[in-house]
Amino acid sequence: MTQGNRLLIIFTRNPVQGRVKTRLAAVTGDETALKVYRALREHTASAAKASHAQRAVFYSDYLPDKDCFLDGKTLAFLQTGNNLGERMLHAFETAFSLPFRHAVLIGTDCPDLHAGLIDQAFSVLERSDAVIGPAKDGGFYLIGLKRSYPDVFLNRTWSHSSVLKETIRRLGKSRASFELLPELQDIDTFEDLQQSRYGYPGKHHHTNFQ
């Protein structure tokens, strides 16, 4: 499969203080939470650019003039939909209408995501209908498809510990074959940050995110 048939979809929030990583900010404060999120975005952008796929970034609120994801080669869109499921489905349907044959969607919360894993996800789509990267909190940090599955995304709730299980159940109901990638840690809460390789020694110390 050539790069021209592969689209890496990146979901990101616009990095605005007080509007990102709110669960983390409840402990660390808005300034540190924004610093963490900016570092996560930079890491994700580097991993994305090193992967062998065309890239499309979908922003939460507005299209910026400059951003770490934008390099003249990356497509840019606004997320569309009333909830996360609708927004993800719209992004996949955009990908398949462009048209790309294989699409993989990632967020910007996973500090251990790397280009090799992204490329592995696209390789899985050579032989399976779907690929999922499980997160330790019960969700997922990556999902890849080679056609649209509306039932996987619509009429369900998100941000709970059974998101992965429900996604797998819905893929099965849609008769879609799938494979799982290695489990990784997302950073959404203070505890997540403490357990990550970046750490957070205490309220009087600075995180390793600069």
Foldseek 3Di string as FASTA:
>chain_A
DAQAQEEEEEEEEDLDFPPALVQACVPQNRVQRSLVLLLLQLLVLVQVVPARHQYEYEYAPDDDPDDSNDDPRYHYHHQDDDDPLNSVLVVQVVDCVVNHQKYKYFYRFFNPDHRVQVNVQVVQVVPWQKEFEAEPQQATGMIMGRDGDSQLRPDDDDDHNNNNVSSVVSCVVVVTGYYYDYYGHGDNHLVSQCPDPQHDPDNVDHTNRD
